[in-house]
Protein backbone atom coordinates (compact mmCIF):
# COMPACT_ATOMS: atom_id res chain seq x y z
CA UNK A 1 67.58 107.00 99.27
CA UNK A 2 71.24 107.77 98.50
CA UNK A 3 72.26 106.49 101.90
CA UNK A 4 70.38 103.24 101.36
CA UNK A 5 71.95 102.72 97.95
CA UNK A 6 75.47 103.38 99.25
CA UNK A 7 74.88 101.11 102.24
CA UNK A 8 73.64 98.29 100.04
CA UNK A 9 76.58 98.66 97.67
CA UNK A 10 79.01 98.72 100.60
CA UNK A 11 77.49 95.67 102.29
CA UNK A 12 76.85 93.49 99.25
CA UNK A 13 78.99 94.84 96.42
CA UNK A 14 75.86 95.19 94.33
CA UNK A 15 72.85 97.44 93.78
CA UNK A 16 69.84 97.67 91.51
CA UNK A 17 70.10 99.34 88.10
CA UNK A 18 68.09 102.29 89.42
CA UNK A 19 70.40 102.66 92.42
CA UNK A 20 73.49 102.52 90.25
CA UNK A 21 72.13 105.25 87.98
CA UNK A 22 71.36 107.33 91.04
CA UNK A 23 74.93 106.95 92.34
CA UNK A 24 76.50 107.59 88.95
CA UNK A 25 74.76 110.95 88.75
CA UNK A 26 75.32 112.14 92.32
CA UNK A 27 76.02 115.83 92.74
CA UNK A 28 77.02 115.35 96.38
CA UNK A 29 79.07 112.13 96.44
CA UNK A 30 80.37 112.49 100.00
CA UNK A 31 78.70 109.32 101.34
CA UNK A 32 79.79 107.35 98.27
CA UNK A 33 83.39 108.60 98.57
CA UNK A 34 83.54 107.79 102.27
CA UNK A 35 82.39 104.22 101.66
CA UNK A 36 84.80 103.72 98.73
CA UNK A 37 87.79 105.01 100.70
CA UNK A 38 86.88 102.78 103.63
CA UNK A 39 86.80 99.74 101.33
CA UNK A 40 90.06 100.76 99.61
CA UNK A 41 91.84 101.10 102.99
CA UNK A 42 90.51 97.71 104.05
CA UNK A 43 92.05 95.97 101.03
CA UNK A 44 95.10 98.03 100.14
CA UNK A 45 95.77 100.40 103.01
CA UNK A 46 97.39 103.65 101.89
CA UNK A 47 99.54 102.06 99.20
CA UNK A 48 99.65 103.54 95.72
CA UNK A 49 101.20 101.27 93.11
CA UNK A 50 103.13 102.77 90.20
CA UNK A 51 103.37 101.32 86.70
CA UNK A 52 106.04 102.44 84.26
CA UNK A 53 104.19 103.15 81.02
CA UNK A 54 106.18 102.67 77.81
CA UNK A 55 104.23 103.64 74.69
CA UNK A 56 106.41 101.73 72.26
CA UNK A 57 104.49 102.16 68.99
CA UNK A 58 101.81 104.53 67.73
CA UNK A 59 101.08 102.56 64.56
CA UNK A 60 97.55 101.14 64.58
CA UNK A 61 95.54 99.18 62.04
CA UNK A 62 92.20 100.34 63.49
CA UNK A 63 90.09 103.43 62.83
CA UNK A 64 88.25 103.95 66.11
CA UNK A 65 86.38 107.23 65.79
CA UNK A 66 87.63 108.64 69.13
CA UNK A 67 91.34 107.81 68.95
CA UNK A 68 94.09 110.17 67.86
CA UNK A 69 96.41 107.38 66.66
CA UNK A 70 93.73 105.85 64.41
CA UNK A 71 94.99 104.58 61.06
CA UNK A 72 93.05 107.30 59.24
CA UNK A 73 94.99 110.11 60.92
CA UNK A 74 97.46 110.66 58.07
CA UNK A 75 98.82 113.86 59.64
CA UNK A 76 100.34 112.00 62.57
CA UNK A 77 104.03 111.09 62.53
CA UNK A 78 104.53 107.43 63.31
CA UNK A 79 107.23 105.67 65.33
CA UNK A 80 108.31 102.35 66.77
CA UNK A 81 110.76 102.14 69.66
CA UNK A 82 113.63 99.72 69.08
CA UNK A 83 113.89 96.82 71.55
CA UNK A 84 117.17 98.18 72.93
CA UNK A 85 115.49 101.53 73.60
CA UNK A 86 112.66 99.79 75.45
CA UNK A 87 115.17 97.94 77.61
CA UNK A 88 117.01 101.19 78.41
CA UNK A 89 113.72 102.66 79.60
CA UNK A 90 113.03 99.58 81.72
CA UNK A 91 116.47 99.79 83.32
CA UNK A 92 116.00 103.43 84.19
CA UNK A 93 112.51 102.71 85.51
CA UNK A 94 113.78 99.88 87.67
CA UNK A 95 116.43 102.17 89.15
CA UNK A 96 113.67 104.62 90.08
CA UNK A 97 111.59 101.95 91.85
CA UNK A 98 109.18 100.69 89.18
CA UNK A 99 108.39 96.98 89.48
CA UNK A 100 105.69 96.80 86.81
CA UNK A 101 106.15 97.92 83.22
CA UNK A 102 103.25 98.47 80.85
CA UNK A 103 104.10 98.01 77.18
CA UNK A 104 101.35 99.86 75.37
CA UNK A 105 100.80 100.47 71.68
CA UNK A 106 98.36 100.53 68.84
CA UNK A 107 97.45 97.31 67.05
CA UNK A 108 100.68 97.40 65.07
CA UNK A 109 101.14 94.72 62.42
CA UNK A 110 104.76 95.84 62.11
CA UNK A 111 105.64 94.26 65.44
CA UNK A 112 105.69 90.48 65.14
CA UNK A 113 104.69 88.13 67.91
CA UNK A 114 108.30 87.00 68.02
CA UNK A 115 109.40 90.59 68.55
CA UNK A 116 106.92 91.13 71.39
CA UNK A 117 107.90 87.83 73.02
CA UNK A 118 111.57 88.73 72.79
CA UNK A 119 111.02 92.04 74.59
CA UNK A 120 108.89 90.42 77.29
CA UNK A 121 111.40 87.64 77.91
CA UNK A 122 114.28 90.16 78.02
CA UNK A 123 112.54 92.16 80.74
CA UNK A 124 111.70 89.06 82.76
CA UNK A 125 115.21 87.61 82.42
CA UNK A 126 116.89 90.81 83.58
CA UNK A 127 114.30 91.67 86.23
CA UNK A 128 112.50 88.51 87.39
CA UNK A 129 110.98 90.43 90.31
CA UNK A 130 109.02 92.64 87.91
CA UNK A 131 105.63 92.24 86.26
CA UNK A 132 105.13 92.87 82.56
CA UNK A 133 101.77 94.17 81.37
CA UNK A 134 100.81 94.27 77.71
CA UNK A 135 98.23 96.60 76.19
CA UNK A 136 98.32 95.98 72.46
CA UNK A 137 94.74 95.20 71.52
CA UNK A 138 92.89 92.29 69.98
CA UNK A 139 94.97 89.24 69.04
CA UNK A 140 94.24 85.59 68.42
CA UNK A 141 94.65 82.82 70.99
CA UNK A 142 98.06 81.77 69.69
CA UNK A 143 99.48 85.27 70.11
CA UNK A 144 98.12 85.69 73.62
CA UNK A 145 99.44 82.26 74.56
CA UNK A 146 102.90 83.07 73.18
CA UNK A 147 103.15 86.33 75.12
CA UNK A 148 102.07 84.57 78.31
CA UNK A 149 104.59 81.80 77.82
CA UNK A 150 107.29 84.42 77.26
CA UNK A 151 106.54 85.83 80.70
CA UNK A 152 103.79 88.46 80.34
CA UNK A 153 101.82 88.65 83.58
CA UNK A 154 98.96 91.02 82.79
CA UNK A 155 96.97 92.25 79.82
CA UNK A 156 94.93 95.44 79.54
CA UNK A 157 92.08 95.50 77.02
CA UNK A 158 89.32 98.02 77.71
CA UNK A 159 85.99 96.95 76.30
CA UNK A 160 85.13 100.71 75.93
CA UNK A 161 81.37 100.06 76.01
CA UNK A 162 79.32 96.92 76.65
CA UNK A 163 76.41 98.12 74.51
CA UNK A 164 76.37 96.75 70.98
CA UNK A 165 74.53 99.79 69.65
CA UNK A 166 76.87 102.22 71.35
CA UNK A 167 79.95 100.22 70.31
CA UNK A 168 78.86 100.41 66.68
CA UNK A 169 78.62 104.19 66.92
CA UNK A 170 82.23 104.44 68.12
CA UNK A 171 83.92 102.00 65.74
CA UNK A 172 83.93 101.08 62.05
CA UNK A 173 81.82 98.10 61.03
CA UNK A 174 84.78 95.72 60.71
CA UNK A 175 85.36 95.96 64.47
CA UNK A 176 83.27 93.77 66.73
CA UNK A 177 82.22 94.04 70.37
CA UNK A 178 81.68 90.29 70.31
CA UNK A 179 85.32 89.75 69.38
CA UNK A 180 86.52 92.26 71.98
CA UNK A 181 84.67 90.40 74.71
CA UNK A 182 85.87 87.03 73.39
CA UNK A 183 89.46 88.27 73.66
CA UNK A 184 88.94 89.19 77.30
CA UNK A 185 87.55 85.76 78.15
CA UNK A 186 90.40 84.13 76.26
CA UNK A 187 92.96 86.12 78.26
CA UNK A 188 91.35 84.99 81.51
CA UNK A 189 91.39 81.35 80.45
CA UNK A 190 95.08 81.53 79.59
CA UNK A 191 95.87 82.83 83.07
CA UNK A 192 96.63 86.54 82.73
CA UNK A 193 95.71 89.11 85.31
CA UNK A 194 93.18 90.84 83.08
CA UNK A 195 92.24 94.49 82.93
CA UNK A 196 89.25 96.01 81.21
CA UNK A 197 87.29 99.25 81.44
CA UNK A 198 85.43 101.93 79.53
CA UNK A 199 85.30 105.59 78.56
CA UNK A 200 83.01 107.92 80.50
CA UNK A 201 81.02 110.42 78.47
CA UNK A 202 81.87 109.12 75.02
CA UNK A 203 79.51 110.45 72.31
CA UNK A 204 76.06 108.88 72.53
CA UNK A 205 76.62 107.25 75.92
CA UNK A 206 73.63 107.01 78.26
CA UNK A 207 73.30 106.13 81.96
CA UNK A 208 71.86 102.77 80.85
CA UNK A 209 75.06 102.16 78.86
CA UNK A 210 77.14 102.78 81.99
CA UNK A 211 75.06 100.34 83.99
CA UNK A 212 75.54 97.82 81.20
CA UNK A 213 79.30 98.36 81.51
CA UNK A 214 79.16 97.64 85.22
CA UNK A 215 77.10 94.49 84.65
CA UNK A 216 79.57 93.21 82.08
CA UNK A 217 82.43 93.78 84.50
CA UNK A 218 80.51 91.79 87.11
CA UNK A 219 80.48 88.89 84.66
CA UNK A 220 84.13 89.27 83.73
CA UNK A 221 85.48 89.92 87.26
CA UNK A 222 88.66 91.59 85.98
CA UNK A 223 91.73 92.10 88.14
CA UNK A 224 92.20 95.65 86.87
CA UNK A 225 89.61 98.23 85.83
CA UNK A 226 90.63 101.37 83.98
CA UNK A 227 88.14 104.13 83.29
CA UNK A 228 88.62 107.72 82.28
CA UNK A 229 86.66 110.58 80.78
CA UNK A 230 86.34 110.80 77.02
CA UNK A 231 88.71 113.51 75.74
CA UNK A 232 88.37 114.67 72.09
CA UNK A 233 91.28 114.12 69.74
CA UNK A 234 92.18 116.22 66.70
CA UNK A 235 91.84 114.66 63.26
CA UNK A 236 89.11 112.25 64.38
CA UNK A 237 85.36 112.20 63.67
CA UNK A 238 84.79 113.18 67.32
CA UNK A 239 87.24 116.09 67.41
CA UNK A 240 84.55 118.64 68.27
CA UNK A 241 82.57 116.52 70.73
CA UNK A 242 82.24 117.46 74.39
CA UNK A 243 84.64 115.86 76.87
CA UNK A 244 83.32 113.46 79.47
CA UNK A 245 82.41 114.55 83.00
CA UNK A 246 85.08 114.50 85.70
CA UNK A 247 82.41 114.25 88.42
CA UNK A 248 80.77 111.23 86.77
CA UNK A 249 84.14 109.56 86.32
CA UNK A 250 84.96 110.01 90.00
CA UNK A 251 81.56 108.66 91.03
CA UNK A 252 82.17 105.60 88.90
CA UNK A 253 85.63 105.03 90.41
CA UNK A 254 83.98 104.96 93.83
CA UNK A 255 81.25 102.61 92.61
CA UNK A 256 83.85 100.30 91.08
CA UNK A 257 85.83 100.20 94.33
CA UNK A 258 82.71 99.07 96.18
CA UNK A 259 81.68 96.53 93.53
CA UNK A 260 85.22 95.18 93.01
CA UNK A 261 87.09 95.86 96.28
CA UNK A 262 90.04 93.65 95.33
CA UNK A 263 90.65 95.35 92.00
CA UNK A 264 93.54 97.51 90.85
CA UNK A 265 92.00 100.78 89.68
CA UNK A 266 94.20 103.50 88.17
CA UNK A 267 93.72 107.21 88.40
CA UNK A 268 94.17 107.66 84.67
CA UNK A 269 96.09 110.16 82.59
CA UNK A 270 92.91 111.37 80.91
CA UNK A 271 91.46 112.31 84.29
CA UNK A 272 94.55 114.34 85.07
CA UNK A 273 94.42 115.93 81.62
CA UNK A 274 91.02 117.60 81.93
CA UNK A 275 90.89 118.28 85.68
CA UNK A 276 93.40 120.21 87.81
CA UNK A 277 94.54 117.77 90.48
CA UNK A 278 92.73 114.99 88.63
CA UNK A 279 95.35 112.43 89.60
CA UNK A 280 94.79 113.09 93.28
CA UNK A 281 91.02 113.26 92.90
CA UNK A 282 91.00 109.77 91.38
CA UNK A 283 92.95 108.38 94.31
CA UNK A 284 90.66 110.11 96.78
CA UNK A 285 87.67 108.50 95.01
CA UNK A 286 89.06 104.97 95.52
CA UNK A 287 91.75 104.39 92.89
CA UNK A 288 95.05 102.84 93.97
CA UNK A 289 97.29 102.86 90.87
CA UNK A 290 99.05 105.56 88.87
CA UNK A 291 100.95 105.09 85.61
CA UNK A 292 103.78 107.61 85.12
CA UNK A 293 104.89 107.76 81.50
CA UNK A 294 108.46 106.64 80.80
CA UNK A 295 108.15 107.17 77.03
CA UNK A 296 110.80 109.55 75.61
CA UNK A 297 109.30 113.05 75.06
CA UNK A 298 109.65 113.06 71.25
CA UNK A 299 107.67 109.84 70.95
CA UNK A 300 105.25 110.71 73.77
CA UNK A 301 104.16 113.76 71.75
CA UNK A 302 103.22 111.44 68.92
CA UNK A 303 101.28 109.03 71.12
CA UNK A 304 98.40 111.47 70.95
CA UNK A 305 95.37 109.41 71.93
CA UNK A 306 93.56 112.68 72.71
CA UNK A 307 94.20 116.42 72.82
CA UNK A 308 96.50 117.97 75.45
CA UNK A 309 97.82 114.61 76.64
CA UNK A 310 100.78 115.25 78.97
CA UNK A 311 104.19 114.63 77.42
CA UNK A 312 106.20 112.14 79.45
CA UNK A 313 107.86 113.49 82.60
CA UNK A 314 106.97 110.42 84.65
CA UNK A 315 110.55 109.42 85.32
CA UNK A 316 111.47 112.98 86.25
CA UNK A 317 108.59 113.34 88.72
CA UNK A 318 109.64 110.10 90.41
CA UNK A 319 113.34 111.00 90.36
CA UNK A 320 112.90 114.45 91.90
CA UNK A 321 110.36 113.23 94.45
CA UNK A 322 107.63 115.63 93.39
CA UNK A 323 105.10 112.93 92.57
CA UNK A 324 105.71 111.16 95.89
CA UNK A 325 105.14 114.45 97.72
CA UNK A 326 101.88 115.08 95.84
CA UNK A 327 100.60 111.64 96.80
CA UNK A 328 101.81 111.97 100.38
CA UNK A 329 100.00 115.30 100.69
CA UNK A 330 96.64 113.52 100.32
CA UNK A 331 97.52 110.79 102.80
CA UNK A 332 98.81 108.01 100.56
CA UNK A 333 102.24 106.55 99.78
CA UNK A 334 103.86 105.36 96.57
CA UNK A 335 105.42 101.94 97.14
CA UNK A 336 108.08 99.93 95.33
CA UNK A 337 106.04 96.83 94.67
CA UNK A 338 104.70 94.75 91.76
CA UNK A 339 101.26 95.59 93.08
CA UNK A 340 99.49 92.34 92.29
CA UNK A 341 95.75 92.05 92.77
CA UNK A 342 94.74 91.46 96.38
CA UNK A 343 92.83 88.50 97.70
CA UNK A 344 92.00 85.17 96.10
CA UNK A 345 91.88 84.86 92.32
CA UNK A 346 88.38 85.59 91.05
CA UNK A 347 86.51 83.11 88.82
């Protein structure tokens, strides 16, 4: 039965709900992994794309129950990186071989659209061969349009869960799954390469919820899909909840590779946080992107989305070659490349 489900997913990029639940819960995922790696090699070879992550503000207006930088965490020191500091990090990243920079932050009302646009345009003017990715949450159409016109290429906005009931259990009532999804569709219409994704093992999540996430992604057809295990964060309502399953996360990475063979799928920081060798395990399951953190250590400590998050070191690991050697040891190669989505643009 497992073999039939994997074969169907490999051949068609789809499977029944029952088959997907079976694959999500596999204890022996060897057939699933083999199929996912085959598909990954077909589309991307052995390339691993790197993104320079710059966490430029940890201010956030929201109070998501799982997030360590939530507005209600009054014990957290807050910061905003100055534009000149961001540009210094970009210059150093470019020297090290990064050709995509991810500007990530909370939904910070202290950063104006003009300020974001200025940073984006500065990066693109100085390094026109680079891609700029934004990950700054829910905005209105005018803001998204302005960032795009300033030169932003990609936008990451994880939907977190496609279930209305589950979404409501993870967020305060003023936040809306309907609006989150509307933002994603708006970003696609504007012309961004769009990334979405979800947490694995968040409190209250069921296998049916995970299938619902996969079905929503089939509708959206994102260019990038980021998933990672739920990791508890101090000073949040979920601080004592159990972390998500590494095995389930890896199964889902393989499923996503088969359902969306063209997609850019990162092996996320959260996976590496709770599993020794988690970065490599994600790549071996079908991921093809890693996001070393270029944020200065003092600020990286304060960008505490969850407990035990690694503090920076991304630039150092690239500079001393240690990260390249780790990736090479499992048969893949870090490349100096923008790493755009493969194949024709999806509808």
